[in-house]
Amino acid sequence: MLLVGRFKVFVGGVDVTSRWNPTLKSASVTRGAREASDTAQLTLADPGGQTFLPGTGDDLVVHFGNSADGLGQVFEGFVDSVRWRMDKSSGREISIEGSSVDHKSKVKAGALRSAADKTFSDVAKEWGSKVGLDMVVAGELGSVFRPYWLMQHESYMGWGQRMARDLGASFKIIGRRGFFAPLNEGISASGKTLTPVYGIVGQNVEDIDVTPIIGRPQYGTAKARYYDINSAEWREVAEAVREAGIDVDFRSLLGAANEGNAGQSAKSRAKESERERGDGSATILGDHTAEPEAKFILTGARPGIDGDYVIDSLTHSLDKKSGFTTALTLKAPAGGAGKDTRA
């Protein structure tokens, strides 16, 4: 059965699908686990200037799907920019770019803030509310405690990205909501458990290119040190890397402020080593349920390649030539990937 790509778009709360359907040339949505914002781009033919020019900051919601599976929301955010162009080959067209972050809001304003003896959840929510964001902190991240937190003339967006790197987390702003979630745990930015995406070679996989084992970024244990003022000596905190199978330690060059910070640093570096031990890319028939951090379960390739991967980023694309496709960037191979078990 031939699958026909479909879409639905709302601009400023108005359904513009029927008006845009005859002139839409292409549409895409890009999402990444380690990117604070999702992006969307819609290109429409504009031969007579009939497309109404949306305003920057207008609400933008995009759904993709096909004739078999129906539609699902793949983007929520704002119109970020509108470009008009003309050339002899393409004619006249309008490109509308969207961002899940409202770049006219206070999320990009620098600020000096500090807090003492609070959990990360408390600080993230309190400071998020000051820039108009309703924050959610998922999993064990919420209970991370520090005696001192500092935002030093950073924007909330910049501080959130820095804290995500520090804590081994993803940070995402979607509309007027923000999310922190731990990496490599199959949890979406919004904190929900994700449904795996299945790739079956010969059925829904259009192309694939994977390197299931990369030696250089692998470590067996991540270690960070701190100075214990009570014993007047340096101490180490260690975090094992899951499914590593090698006896090589990573040691942080810089000392942490205390034992808690050292433990968080070691855990973050262990997650990074786990994630970077392999990578790849795949394009599948469009799947609007695919999300960053979900498992990609590959079968039908060959021993040592079949297995589980983590979706690091993805791009949903829809055009009249290729239909609806989803391109995936893959990390953290597991479940048999990289191991040819044949005798």
C-alpha atoms as a PDB file:
ATOM      1  CA  MET A   1       0.000   0.000   0.000  1.00  0.00           C
ATOM      2  CA  LEU A   2       1.333   3.437  -0.984  1.00  0.00           C
ATOM      3  CA  LEU A   3       1.637   5.711   2.050  1.00  0.00           C
ATOM      4  CA  VAL A   4       0.785   9.342   1.448  1.00  0.00           C
ATOM      5  CA  GLY A   5       2.357  11.961   3.717  1.00  0.00           C
ATOM      6  CA  ARG A   6      -0.048  14.304   5.458  1.00  0.00           C
ATOM      7  CA  PHE A   7       0.269  17.408   7.623  1.00  0.00           C
ATOM      8  CA  LYS A   8      -1.724  19.822   9.730  1.00  0.00           C
ATOM      9  CA  VAL A   9      -0.498  23.277  10.734  1.00  0.00           C
ATOM     10  CA  PHE A  10      -1.880  25.858  13.162  1.00  0.00           C
ATOM     11  CA  VAL A  11      -0.599  29.448  13.108  1.00  0.00           C
ATOM     12  CA  GLY A  12      -1.784  31.767  15.850  1.00  0.00           C
ATOM     13  CA  GLY A  13      -4.371  29.148  16.828  1.00  0.00           C
ATOM     14  CA  VAL A  14      -5.875  29.067  13.306  1.00  0.00           C
ATOM     15  CA  ASP A  15      -5.885  25.868  11.223  1.00  0.00           C
ATOM     16  CA  VAL A  16      -4.211  26.878   7.928  1.00  0.00           C
ATOM     17  CA  THR A  17      -3.892  23.343   6.532  1.00  0.00           C
ATOM     18  CA  SER A  18      -6.501  23.622   3.776  1.00  0.00           C
ATOM     19  CA  ARG A  19      -5.076  26.956   2.619  1.00  0.00           C
ATOM     20  CA  TRP A  20      -1.474  25.722   2.597  1.00  0.00           C
ATOM     21  CA  ASN A  21      -2.065  22.253   1.191  1.00  0.00           C
ATOM     22  CA  PRO A  22      -2.017  23.294  -2.511  1.00  0.00           C
ATOM     23  CA  THR A  23       1.210  25.322  -2.181  1.00  0.00           C
ATOM     24  CA  LEU A  24       3.300  23.520   0.457  1.00  0.00           C
ATOM     25  CA  LYS A  25       6.581  22.431  -1.168  1.00  0.00           C
ATOM     26  CA  SER A  26       8.367  20.954   1.854  1.00  0.00           C
ATOM     27  CA  ALA A  27       8.265  20.864   5.630  1.00  0.00           C
ATOM     28  CA  SER A  28      10.694  19.624   8.257  1.00  0.00           C
ATOM     29  CA  VAL A  29      11.061  19.485  12.037  1.00  0.00           C
ATOM     30  CA  THR A  30      14.384  18.897  13.798  1.00  0.00           C
ATOM     31  CA  ARG A  31      14.673  17.831  17.423  1.00  0.00           C
ATOM     32  CA  GLY A  32      17.750  16.971  19.478  1.00  0.00           C
ATOM     33  CA  ALA A  33      18.212  15.544  22.966  1.00  0.00           C
ATOM     34  CA  ARG A  34      21.037  17.974  23.684  1.00  0.00           C
ATOM     35  CA  GLU A  35      19.541  21.024  22.008  1.00  0.00           C
ATOM     36  CA  ALA A  36      17.443  23.429  24.059  1.00  0.00           C
ATOM     37  CA  SER A  37      15.172  24.264  21.123  1.00  0.00           C
ATOM     38  CA  ASP A  38      13.363  22.321  18.421  1.00  0.00           C
ATOM     39  CA  THR A  39      13.116  23.917  14.978  1.00  0.00           C
ATOM     40  CA  ALA A  40      10.634  23.768  12.111  1.00  0.00           C
ATOM     41  CA  GLN A  41      10.787  24.966   8.524  1.00  0.00           C
ATOM     42  CA  LEU A  42       7.903  25.171   6.052  1.00  0.00           C
ATOM     43  CA  THR A  43       8.383  26.286   2.440  1.00  0.00           C
ATOM     44  CA  LEU A  44       5.396  27.316   0.316  1.00  0.00           C
ATOM     45  CA  ALA A  45       5.061  28.419  -3.290  1.00  0.00           C
ATOM     46  CA  ASP A  46       3.893  32.032  -3.433  1.00  0.00           C
ATOM     47  CA  PRO A  47       3.258  32.804  -7.121  1.00  0.00           C
ATOM     48  CA  GLY A  48       0.670  35.485  -6.528  1.00  0.00           C
ATOM     49  CA  GLY A  49       1.551  36.554  -3.005  1.00  0.00           C
ATOM     50  CA  GLN A  50      -1.561  34.813  -1.715  1.00  0.00           C
ATOM     51  CA  THR A  51       0.021  33.326   1.445  1.00  0.00           C
ATOM     52  CA  PHE A  52      -0.723  35.452   4.499  1.00  0.00           C
ATOM     53  CA  LEU A  53       2.542  36.527   6.127  1.00  0.00           C
ATOM     54  CA  PRO A  54       2.571  35.263   9.755  1.00  0.00           C
ATOM     55  CA  GLY A  55       4.063  37.473  12.440  1.00  0.00           C
ATOM     56  CA  THR A  56       7.168  36.540  14.419  1.00  0.00           C
ATOM     57  CA  GLY A  57       6.096  35.248  17.800  1.00  0.00           C
ATOM     58  CA  ASP A  58       2.828  33.752  16.513  1.00  0.00           C
ATOM     59  CA  ASP A  59       2.095  30.322  17.998  1.00  0.00           C
ATOM     60  CA  LEU A  60       3.054  27.513  15.595  1.00  0.00           C
ATOM     61  CA  VAL A  61       1.957  23.866  15.921  1.00  0.00           C
ATOM     62  CA  VAL A  62       2.809  21.189  13.326  1.00  0.00           C
ATOM     63  CA  HIS A  63       1.440  17.643  12.898  1.00  0.00           C
ATOM     64  CA  PHE A  64       2.883  15.045  10.510  1.00  0.00           C
ATOM     65  CA  GLY A  65       1.644  11.598   9.536  1.00  0.00           C
ATOM     66  CA  ASN A  66       0.624   9.361   6.687  1.00  0.00           C
ATOM     67  CA  SER A  67      -2.475   7.770   5.248  1.00  0.00           C
ATOM     68  CA  ALA A  68      -2.058   4.616   7.393  1.00  0.00           C
ATOM     69  CA  ASP A  69      -1.065   5.855  10.858  1.00  0.00           C
ATOM     70  CA  GLY A  70      -2.827   9.190  11.013  1.00  0.00           C
ATOM     71  CA  LEU A  71      -1.352  12.420  12.342  1.00  0.00           C
ATOM     72  CA  GLY A  72       0.687  13.234  15.446  1.00  0.00           C
ATOM     73  CA  GLN A  73       2.084  16.480  16.811  1.00  0.00           C
ATOM     74  CA  VAL A  74       5.797  16.876  16.052  1.00  0.00           C
ATOM     75  CA  PHE A  75       6.366  20.553  16.867  1.00  0.00           C
ATOM     76  CA  GLU A  76       5.086  23.227  19.228  1.00  0.00           C
ATOM     77  CA  GLY A  77       6.553  26.692  19.380  1.00  0.00           C
ATOM     78  CA  PHE A  78       6.581  30.059  17.673  1.00  0.00           C
ATOM     79  CA  VAL A  79       7.180  31.634  14.282  1.00  0.00           C
ATOM     80  CA  ASP A  80      10.795  32.821  14.491  1.00  0.00           C
ATOM     81  CA  SER A  81      11.375  34.299  11.034  1.00  0.00           C
ATOM     82  CA  VAL A  82       9.771  34.578   7.592  1.00  0.00           C
ATOM     83  CA  ARG A  83      11.797  34.767   4.382  1.00  0.00           C
ATOM     84  CA  TRP A  84      10.567  35.538   0.863  1.00  0.00           C
ATOM     85  CA  ARG A  85      12.670  34.823  -2.205  1.00  0.00           C
ATOM     86  CA  MET A  86      12.437  34.460  -5.966  1.00  0.00           C
ATOM     87  CA  ASP A  87      14.591  32.863  -8.644  1.00  0.00           C
ATOM     88  CA  LYS A  88      14.058  31.518 -12.147  1.00  0.00           C
ATOM     89  CA  SER A  89      14.195  27.846 -11.156  1.00  0.00           C
ATOM     90  CA  SER A  90      12.057  27.877  -7.989  1.00  0.00           C
ATOM     91  CA  GLY A  91       9.831  30.850  -8.687  1.00  0.00           C
ATOM     92  CA  ARG A  92       8.465  32.803  -5.750  1.00  0.00           C
ATOM     93  CA  GLU A  93       8.309  31.142  -2.373  1.00  0.00           C
ATOM     94  CA  ILE A  94       8.007  31.813   1.340  1.00  0.00           C
ATOM     95  CA  SER A  95       9.990  29.976   4.026  1.00  0.00           C
ATOM     96  CA  ILE A  96       8.640  30.072   7.575  1.00  0.00           C
ATOM     97  CA  GLU A  97      11.035  29.078  10.339  1.00  0.00           C
ATOM     98  CA  GLY A  98       9.838  28.135  13.781  1.00  0.00           C
ATOM     99  CA  SER A  99      11.534  27.628  17.133  1.00  0.00           C
ATOM    100  CA  SER A 100      10.196  25.944  20.240  1.00  0.00           C
ATOM    101  CA  VAL A 101      11.785  28.841  22.168  1.00  0.00           C
ATOM    102  CA  ASP A 102      10.193  32.275  22.116  1.00  0.00           C
ATOM    103  CA  HIS A 103      13.245  34.387  21.293  1.00  0.00           C
ATOM    104  CA  LYS A 104      11.324  37.542  22.179  1.00  0.00           C
ATOM    105  CA  SER A 105      10.942  36.379  25.776  1.00  0.00           C
ATOM    106  CA  LYS A 106      13.132  36.786  28.859  1.00  0.00           C
ATOM    107  CA  VAL A 107      14.732  33.339  28.425  1.00  0.00           C
ATOM    108  CA  LYS A 108      17.622  35.029  26.581  1.00  0.00           C
ATOM    109  CA  ALA A 109      18.109  37.860  29.098  1.00  0.00           C
ATOM    110  CA  GLY A 110      21.249  37.674  31.244  1.00  0.00           C
ATOM    111  CA  ALA A 111      20.843  37.720  35.012  1.00  0.00           C
ATOM    112  CA  LEU A 112      22.841  37.357  38.223  1.00  0.00           C
ATOM    113  CA  ARG A 113      21.138  34.951  40.632  1.00  0.00           C
ATOM    114  CA  SER A 114      22.207  32.706  43.481  1.00  0.00           C
ATOM    115  CA  ALA A 115      20.604  30.242  45.873  1.00  0.00           C
ATOM    116  CA  ALA A 116      21.878  28.323  48.907  1.00  0.00           C
ATOM    117  CA  ASP A 117      21.015  24.891  50.310  1.00  0.00           C
ATOM    118  CA  LYS A 118      18.383  23.964  47.721  1.00  0.00           C
ATOM    119  CA  THR A 119      17.670  21.097  45.360  1.00  0.00           C
ATOM    120  CA  PHE A 120      18.064  21.457  41.617  1.00  0.00           C
ATOM    121  CA  SER A 121      14.302  21.120  41.182  1.00  0.00           C
ATOM    122  CA  ASP A 122      13.671  24.049  43.523  1.00  0.00           C
ATOM    123  CA  VAL A 123      16.207  26.292  41.782  1.00  0.00           C
ATOM    124  CA  ALA A 124      15.226  25.335  38.218  1.00  0.00           C
ATOM    125  CA  LYS A 125      11.542  26.009  38.911  1.00  0.00           C
ATOM    126  CA  GLU A 126      12.105  29.229  40.859  1.00  0.00           C
ATOM    127  CA  TRP A 127      14.430  30.773  38.273  1.00  0.00           C
ATOM    128  CA  GLY A 128      12.339  29.420  35.392  1.00  0.00           C
ATOM    129  CA  SER A 129       9.245  31.185  36.695  1.00  0.00           C
ATOM    130  CA  LYS A 130      11.126  34.496  36.569  1.00  0.00           C
ATOM    131  CA  VAL A 131      11.436  34.176  32.770  1.00  0.00           C
ATOM    132  CA  GLY A 132       7.924  32.847  32.188  1.00  0.00           C
ATOM    133  CA  LEU A 133       8.663  29.112  32.056  1.00  0.00           C
ATOM    134  CA  ASP A 134       6.792  26.370  33.888  1.00  0.00           C
ATOM    135  CA  MET A 135       9.638  23.922  34.603  1.00  0.00           C
ATOM    136  CA  VAL A 136       9.551  20.133  35.021  1.00  0.00           C
ATOM    137  CA  VAL A 137      12.583  18.269  36.423  1.00  0.00           C
ATOM    138  CA  ALA A 138      12.332  14.525  35.784  1.00  0.00           C
ATOM    139  CA  GLY A 139      13.850  11.510  37.510  1.00  0.00           C
ATOM    140  CA  GLU A 140      16.654  11.709  40.045  1.00  0.00           C
ATOM    141  CA  LEU A 141      17.748  15.151  38.809  1.00  0.00           C
ATOM    142  CA  GLY A 142      15.175  16.863  40.985  1.00  0.00           C
ATOM    143  CA  SER A 143      16.786  15.689  44.216  1.00  0.00           C
ATOM    144  CA  VAL A 144      20.328  16.846  43.352  1.00  0.00           C
ATOM    145  CA  PHE A 145      21.374  19.056  46.274  1.00  0.00           C
ATOM    146  CA  ARG A 146      24.070  21.702  46.348  1.00  0.00           C
ATOM    147  CA  PRO A 147      24.989  24.187  49.054  1.00  0.00           C
ATOM    148  CA  TYR A 148      25.308  26.939  46.432  1.00  0.00           C
ATOM    149  CA  TRP A 149      23.858  27.562  42.959  1.00  0.00           C
ATOM    150  CA  LEU A 150      24.947  30.435  40.715  1.00  0.00           C
ATOM    151  CA  MET A 151      23.687  32.032  37.502  1.00  0.00           C
ATOM    152  CA  GLN A 152      26.468  34.479  36.689  1.00  0.00           C
ATOM    153  CA  HIS A 153      25.171  36.979  34.116  1.00  0.00           C
ATOM    154  CA  GLU A 154      23.862  34.101  32.004  1.00  0.00           C
ATOM    155  CA  SER A 155      20.504  33.752  30.333  1.00  0.00           C
ATOM    156  CA  TYR A 156      18.212  31.078  31.718  1.00  0.00           C
ATOM    157  CA  MET A 157      18.658  29.235  28.426  1.00  0.00           C
ATOM    158  CA  GLY A 158      22.452  29.358  28.739  1.00  0.00           C
ATOM    159  CA  TRP A 159      22.363  28.341  32.408  1.00  0.00           C
ATOM    160  CA  GLY A 160      20.034  25.431  31.594  1.00  0.00           C
ATOM    161  CA  GLN A 161      22.365  24.140  28.873  1.00  0.00           C
ATOM    162  CA  ARG A 162      25.357  24.406  31.214  1.00  0.00           C
ATOM    163  CA  MET A 163      23.575  22.556  34.007  1.00  0.00           C
ATOM    164  CA  ALA A 164      22.442  19.848  31.573  1.00  0.00           C
ATOM    165  CA  ARG A 165      26.070  19.188  30.591  1.00  0.00           C
ATOM    166  CA  ASP A 166      27.124  19.223  34.238  1.00  0.00           C
ATOM    167  CA  LEU A 167      24.412  16.799  35.383  1.00  0.00           C
ATOM    168  CA  GLY A 168      24.264  14.441  32.373  1.00  0.00           C
ATOM    169  CA  ALA A 169      20.832  15.654  31.352  1.00  0.00           C
ATOM    170  CA  SER A 170      18.823  17.014  28.454  1.00  0.00           C
ATOM    171  CA  PHE A 171      17.332  20.501  28.639  1.00  0.00           C
ATOM    172  CA  LYS A 172      14.428  21.518  26.443  1.00  0.00           C
ATOM    173  CA  ILE A 173      12.163  24.538  26.107  1.00  0.00           C
ATOM    174  CA  ILE A 174       8.841  23.906  24.373  1.00  0.00           C
ATOM    175  CA  GLY A 175       6.556  26.891  24.194  1.00  0.00           C
ATOM    176  CA  ARG A 176       6.097  28.216  27.693  1.00  0.00           C
ATOM    177  CA  ARG A 177       7.277  25.038  29.386  1.00  0.00           C
ATOM    178  CA  GLY A 178      10.783  23.808  30.137  1.00  0.00           C
ATOM    179  CA  PHE A 179      12.138  20.353  30.937  1.00  0.00           C
ATOM    180  CA  PHE A 180      15.212  18.681  32.420  1.00  0.00           C
ATOM    181  CA  ALA A 181      15.528  14.890  32.082  1.00  0.00           C
ATOM    182  CA  PRO A 182      18.428  12.444  32.596  1.00  0.00           C
ATOM    183  CA  LEU A 183      20.206  11.181  29.466  1.00  0.00           C
ATOM    184  CA  ASN A 184      20.352   7.517  28.400  1.00  0.00           C
ATOM    185  CA  GLU A 185      17.352   6.518  30.523  1.00  0.00           C
ATOM    186  CA  GLY A 186      14.620   6.338  27.847  1.00  0.00           C
ATOM    187  CA  ILE A 187      12.879   9.379  29.343  1.00  0.00           C
ATOM    188  CA  SER A 188      11.627  12.216  27.164  1.00  0.00           C
ATOM    189  CA  ALA A 189      12.325  15.868  27.867  1.00  0.00           C
ATOM    190  CA  SER A 190       8.849  16.073  29.399  1.00  0.00           C
ATOM    191  CA  GLY A 191       9.629  13.210  31.797  1.00  0.00           C
ATOM    192  CA  LYS A 192       7.484  10.489  30.249  1.00  0.00           C
ATOM    193  CA  THR A 193       8.743   6.980  29.452  1.00  0.00           C
ATOM    194  CA  LEU A 194       9.270   6.734  25.708  1.00  0.00           C
ATOM    195  CA  THR A 195       7.953   4.093  23.316  1.00  0.00           C
ATOM    196  CA  PRO A 196      10.720   2.354  21.309  1.00  0.00           C
ATOM    197  CA  VAL A 197      10.975   2.938  17.571  1.00  0.00           C
ATOM    198  CA  TYR A 198      11.486  -0.212  15.474  1.00  0.00           C
ATOM    199  CA  GLY A 199      13.633  -0.293  12.361  1.00  0.00           C
ATOM    200  CA  ILE A 200      13.290  -3.417  10.206  1.00  0.00           C
ATOM    201  CA  VAL A 201      15.666  -3.690   7.260  1.00  0.00           C
ATOM    202  CA  GLY A 202      13.651  -4.573   4.159  1.00  0.00           C
ATOM    203  CA  GLN A 203      10.501  -2.980   5.533  1.00  0.00           C
ATOM    204  CA  ASN A 204      10.644   0.531   6.965  1.00  0.00           C
ATOM    205  CA  VAL A 205      14.422   1.243   6.875  1.00  0.00           C
ATOM    206  CA  GLU A 206      15.350   3.249   3.792  1.00  0.00           C
ATOM    207  CA  ASP A 207      19.054   3.660   4.557  1.00  0.00           C
ATOM    208  CA  ILE A 208      21.379   3.091   7.500  1.00  0.00           C
ATOM    209  CA  ASP A 209      25.041   3.714   8.368  1.00  0.00           C
ATOM    210  CA  VAL A 210      26.280   2.707  11.836  1.00  0.00           C
ATOM    211  CA  THR A 211      29.553   2.256  13.678  1.00  0.00           C
ATOM    212  CA  PRO A 212      28.530   0.148  16.688  1.00  0.00           C
ATOM    213  CA  ILE A 213      31.942   0.280  18.378  1.00  0.00           C
ATOM    214  CA  ILE A 214      34.295   3.263  18.633  1.00  0.00           C
ATOM    215  CA  GLY A 215      37.303   2.630  20.853  1.00  0.00           C
ATOM    216  CA  ARG A 216      38.575   6.112  21.579  1.00  0.00           C
ATOM    217  CA  PRO A 217      35.705   7.536  23.715  1.00  0.00           C
ATOM    218  CA  GLN A 218      35.283   4.385  25.812  1.00  0.00           C
ATOM    219  CA  TYR A 219      36.136   4.143  29.515  1.00  0.00           C
ATOM    220  CA  GLY A 220      35.280   1.572  32.143  1.00  0.00           C
ATOM    221  CA  THR A 221      34.970   3.994  35.057  1.00  0.00           C
ATOM    222  CA  ALA A 222      34.660   7.757  35.368  1.00  0.00           C
ATOM    223  CA  LYS A 223      36.313   9.360  38.386  1.00  0.00           C
ATOM    224  CA  ALA A 224      36.213  12.853  39.850  1.00  0.00           C
ATOM    225  CA  ARG A 225      38.087  14.185  42.849  1.00  0.00           C
ATOM    226  CA  TYR A 226      37.331  16.678  45.612  1.00  0.00           C
ATOM    227  CA  TYR A 227      39.195  18.037  48.609  1.00  0.00           C
ATOM    228  CA  ASP A 228      37.908  16.734  51.937  1.00  0.00           C
ATOM    229  CA  ILE A 229      38.477  19.565  54.424  1.00  0.00           C
ATOM    230  CA  ASN A 230      37.789  17.282  57.391  1.00  0.00           C
ATOM    231  CA  SER A 231      40.626  14.860  56.572  1.00  0.00           C
ATOM    232  CA  ALA A 232      42.707  17.473  54.708  1.00  0.00           C
ATOM    233  CA  GLU A 233      43.236  15.232  51.682  1.00  0.00           C
ATOM    234  CA  TRP A 234      42.029  14.661  48.139  1.00  0.00           C
ATOM    235  CA  ARG A 235      39.422  11.936  47.629  1.00  0.00           C
ATOM    236  CA  GLU A 236      37.857  10.337  44.543  1.00  0.00           C
ATOM    237  CA  VAL A 237      34.332   9.358  43.574  1.00  0.00           C
ATOM    238  CA  ALA A 238      33.911   6.669  40.883  1.00  0.00           C
ATOM    239  CA  GLU A 239      31.002   5.845  38.580  1.00  0.00           C
ATOM    240  CA  ALA A 240      31.007   2.662  36.459  1.00  0.00           C
ATOM    241  CA  VAL A 241      30.149   2.976  32.760  1.00  0.00           C
ATOM    242  CA  ARG A 242      27.347   0.575  31.826  1.00  0.00           C
ATOM    243  CA  GLU A 243      28.271  -2.244  29.419  1.00  0.00           C
ATOM    244  CA  ALA A 244      31.829  -0.915  29.090  1.00  0.00           C
ATOM    245  CA  GLY A 245      33.838  -4.125  29.530  1.00  0.00           C
ATOM    246  CA  ILE A 246      37.209  -2.346  29.577  1.00  0.00           C
ATOM    247  CA  ASP A 247      39.664  -1.512  32.364  1.00  0.00           C
ATOM    248  CA  VAL A 248      40.450   2.130  31.581  1.00  0.00           C
ATOM    249  CA  ASP A 249      39.552   5.005  33.920  1.00  0.00           C
ATOM    250  CA  PHE A 250      38.635   8.557  33.032  1.00  0.00           C
ATOM    251  CA  ARG A 251      39.794  11.102  35.618  1.00  0.00           C
ATOM    252  CA  SER A 252      38.554  14.674  35.641  1.00  0.00           C
ATOM    253  CA  LEU A 253      41.379  17.220  35.511  1.00  0.00           C
ATOM    254  CA  LEU A 254      39.590  19.719  37.740  1.00  0.00           C
ATOM    255  CA  GLY A 255      38.653  19.191  41.359  1.00  0.00           C
ATOM    256  CA  ALA A 256      35.005  19.458  42.419  1.00  0.00           C
ATOM    257  CA  ALA A 257      33.733  21.661  45.232  1.00  0.00           C
ATOM    258  CA  ASN A 258      32.599  18.758  47.408  1.00  0.00           C
ATOM    259  CA  GLU A 259      31.746  15.065  47.390  1.00  0.00           C
ATOM    260  CA  GLY A 260      28.249  15.622  45.961  1.00  0.00           C
ATOM    261  CA  ASN A 261      29.525  17.685  43.044  1.00  0.00           C
ATOM    262  CA  ALA A 262      32.267  15.142  42.366  1.00  0.00           C
ATOM    263  CA  GLY A 263      29.688  12.354  42.235  1.00  0.00           C
ATOM    264  CA  GLN A 264      27.533  14.304  39.779  1.00  0.00           C
ATOM    265  CA  SER A 265      30.566  15.054  37.608  1.00  0.00           C
ATOM    266  CA  ALA A 266      31.599  11.389  37.528  1.00  0.00           C
ATOM    267  CA  LYS A 267      28.057  10.267  36.677  1.00  0.00           C
ATOM    268  CA  SER A 268      27.789  12.805  33.865  1.00  0.00           C
ATOM    269  CA  ARG A 269      31.110  11.656  32.349  1.00  0.00           C
ATOM    270  CA  ALA A 270      30.065   8.006  32.643  1.00  0.00           C
ATOM    271  CA  LYS A 271      26.863   8.764  30.737  1.00  0.00           C
ATOM    272  CA  GLU A 272      28.889  10.534  28.047  1.00  0.00           C
ATOM    273  CA  SER A 273      31.225   7.553  27.628  1.00  0.00           C
ATOM    274  CA  GLU A 274      28.256   5.186  27.443  1.00  0.00           C
ATOM    275  CA  ARG A 275      26.587   7.369  24.832  1.00  0.00           C
ATOM    276  CA  GLU A 276      29.644   7.889  22.617  1.00  0.00           C
ATOM    277  CA  ARG A 277      30.857   4.281  22.363  1.00  0.00           C
ATOM    278  CA  GLY A 278      29.144   4.022  18.980  1.00  0.00           C
ATOM    279  CA  ASP A 279      27.103   6.097  16.568  1.00  0.00           C
ATOM    280  CA  GLY A 280      25.248   6.045  13.299  1.00  0.00           C
ATOM    281  CA  SER A 281      22.366   7.326  11.255  1.00  0.00           C
ATOM    282  CA  ALA A 282      19.244   5.832   9.711  1.00  0.00           C
ATOM    283  CA  THR A 283      16.310   7.007   7.638  1.00  0.00           C
ATOM    284  CA  ILE A 284      12.977   5.269   8.124  1.00  0.00           C
ATOM    285  CA  LEU A 285       9.482   5.702   6.802  1.00  0.00           C
ATOM    286  CA  GLY A 286       7.981   8.637   8.656  1.00  0.00           C
ATOM    287  CA  ASP A 287       7.150   7.919  12.298  1.00  0.00           C
ATOM    288  CA  HIS A 288       5.660  10.841  14.221  1.00  0.00           C
ATOM    289  CA  THR A 289       6.029   8.916  17.510  1.00  0.00           C
ATOM    290  CA  ALA A 290       9.846   9.014  17.302  1.00  0.00           C
ATOM    291  CA  GLU A 291      11.452  11.265  19.904  1.00  0.00           C
ATOM    292  CA  PRO A 292      15.004  12.007  21.054  1.00  0.00           C
ATOM    293  CA  GLU A 293      16.126   9.646  23.838  1.00  0.00           C
ATOM    294  CA  ALA A 294      13.790   6.857  22.678  1.00  0.00           C
ATOM    295  CA  LYS A 295      15.252   3.438  21.891  1.00  0.00           C
ATOM    296  CA  PHE A 296      15.745   2.562  18.225  1.00  0.00           C
ATOM    297  CA  ILE A 297      15.549  -1.221  17.930  1.00  0.00           C
ATOM    298  CA  LEU A 298      17.167  -2.416  14.699  1.00  0.00           C
ATOM    299  CA  THR A 299      16.540  -5.882  13.230  1.00  0.00           C
ATOM    300  CA  GLY A 300      17.171  -7.558   9.903  1.00  0.00           C
ATOM    301  CA  ALA A 301      20.611  -6.029   9.310  1.00  0.00           C
ATOM    302  CA  ARG A 302      23.204  -8.606  10.485  1.00  0.00           C
ATOM    303  CA  PRO A 303      24.781  -9.983  13.686  1.00  0.00           C
ATOM    304  CA  GLY A 304      26.753  -7.262  15.428  1.00  0.00           C
ATOM    305  CA  ILE A 305      24.671  -4.494  13.878  1.00  0.00           C
ATOM    306  CA  ASP A 306      21.198  -5.508  15.036  1.00  0.00           C
ATOM    307  CA  GLY A 307      20.529  -4.195  18.532  1.00  0.00           C
ATOM    308  CA  ASP A 308      19.359  -1.212  20.532  1.00  0.00           C
ATOM    309  CA  TYR A 309      20.437   2.377  19.955  1.00  0.00           C
ATOM    310  CA  VAL A 310      19.452   5.690  21.533  1.00  0.00           C
ATOM    311  CA  ILE A 311      17.981   8.364  19.262  1.00  0.00           C
ATOM    312  CA  ASP A 312      20.181  11.420  19.808  1.00  0.00           C
ATOM    313  CA  SER A 313      18.430  13.681  17.298  1.00  0.00           C
ATOM    314  CA  LEU A 314      15.948  13.398  14.457  1.00  0.00           C
ATOM    315  CA  THR A 315      14.504  15.274  11.511  1.00  0.00           C
ATOM    316  CA  HIS A 316      10.964  14.662  10.311  1.00  0.00           C
ATOM    317  CA  SER A 317      10.650  15.651   6.637  1.00  0.00           C
ATOM    318  CA  LEU A 318       7.647  15.872   4.364  1.00  0.00           C
ATOM    319  CA  ASP A 319       7.605  16.781   0.680  1.00  0.00           C
ATOM    320  CA  LYS A 320       5.723  15.771  -2.441  1.00  0.00           C
ATOM    321  CA  LYS A 321       8.673  13.835  -3.889  1.00  0.00           C
ATOM    322  CA  SER A 322       9.773  11.687  -0.920  1.00  0.00           C
ATOM    323  CA  GLY A 323       6.620  11.718   1.198  1.00  0.00           C
ATOM    324  CA  PHE A 324       7.057  11.534   4.976  1.00  0.00           C
ATOM    325  CA  THR A 325      10.419  10.279   6.274  1.00  0.00           C
ATOM    326  CA  THR A 326      12.251  10.404   9.610  1.00  0.00           C
ATOM    327  CA  ALA A 327      16.061  10.699   9.703  1.00  0.00           C
ATOM    328  CA  LEU A 328      17.676   9.550  12.967  1.00  0.00           C
ATOM    329  CA  THR A 329      21.063  10.171  14.536  1.00  0.00           C
ATOM    330  CA  LEU A 330      21.968   7.215  16.753  1.00  0.00           C
ATOM    331  CA  LYS A 331      24.143   6.800  19.864  1.00  0.00           C
ATOM    332  CA  ALA A 332      24.761   4.353  22.749  1.00  0.00           C
ATOM    333  CA  PRO A 333      24.605   0.946  20.998  1.00  0.00           C
ATOM    334  CA  ALA A 334      23.547  -1.967  23.218  1.00  0.00           C
ATOM    335  CA  GLY A 335      21.612  -5.210  23.124  1.00  0.00           C
ATOM    336  CA  GLY A 336      23.992  -7.071  20.811  1.00  0.00           C
ATOM    337  CA  ALA A 337      25.146  -4.150  18.664  1.00  0.00           C
ATOM    338  CA  GLY A 338      28.896  -4.430  18.213  1.00  0.00           C
ATOM    339  CA  LYS A 339      29.028  -8.117  19.198  1.00  0.00           C
ATOM    340  CA  ASP A 340      29.051 -10.805  16.531  1.00  0.00           C
ATOM    341  CA  THR A 341      28.254 -13.872  18.613  1.00  0.00           C
ATOM    342  CA  ARG A 342      28.569 -16.434  15.825  1.00  0.00           C
ATOM    343  CA  ALA A 343      31.188 -19.112  16.428  1.00  0.00           C
END
